[in-house]
Amino acid sequence: MGLQVCARKNLQGGGGGGPLRYSGRLLRQAEWDASRNSFFDSARGRWFFLDIGGGLVYFAMQSELRMRELDRALGEISSIRRQMARATEFRGYGAATLASTGLLAMGAAVVQAVWVPDAANHVAVYLGIWMTTAVLSGALIAVQTVNRAQRVHSGMADEMIRMAVEQFLPAAIAGALLTVALMRSGPAGLWVLPGLWQVIFSLGVFSSCRFLPRPMLAAGVWYLATGLVCVALGDARAFSPWAMGSAFGGGQLLVAGILYFEQEFQREVGGDEC
């Protein structure tokens, strides 16, 4: 038999009849010698000789161990990136873009005042105007945020964008579902929608504040206050064009101003690209 010991015997049972089962740690300590068709187990201080099939088995086991180590390393890198994203201020929102959405909201208020002066009796048209405004604003912010985040946050852009979406998306979904629910319940209770939209939007702003500039809390307070005022009106006056136009127009301009001054401060202090 000599040196030609089969792989199964070498890997599962020792020469003296005792068990010889290799854990991942021991296999990593083993050193392969291709010229001798053998490997040295440093844990036991012995050479073990394999036939061709045994060598293939050994290399397959080594490859599996390396893949596991690679998967674990990639998982740790992903976890580190998430932790860094949570601790980093998000600078993907652009002041100019958010200001333009505020102007868009004011423009929608003008359109409503001209085309739908009696919105309480034309709720469908009223909802169409403001839903269209919301979709256009969201699309504009999304495109600009992706481009800006990739430029400012570089390799962490995807993680930062994901974090931003995760913070605001629940509020957006809640607002959409609430709109559908109230529309199905009939027109009598729809007057409450403008105020509820603003309150829910404020919750999204508050949720995002933990990785935005600290003064952004003021914007959340603005939307909360205007929403509560609309709800307190308690009647069709909540459908006034400027109940939405002043709330979202002024709120988005406030957000844009906060971002602008924060970005100017960062540029002067750190010389960062903003």
Foldseek 3Di string as FASTA:
>chain_A
DPQEDELVCQQAADPVGHGHHDDPVQLVQWADDVVQCWIARPVVRDIHHYDPVNSVVSVVVVVVSVVVVVVVVVVVVVVVLLVVLLVAAQLLFALVLLLVLLVLLLVLLVVCVVPPVPCLVVVVVLCVSVVVSVVVSVVSRVVSSLVSLCVQVPPSSVSNVVVLCVLQVVLVVVLVVVQVVVVVVDSQPCQLNLLSNLLSNLSSQVSSCSRHDVVSNVLSVLSNVLSVVSVVVVDNVSSNSCSRSVSSSVSSNVVSVVSVVVVVVCCVPPVGDD
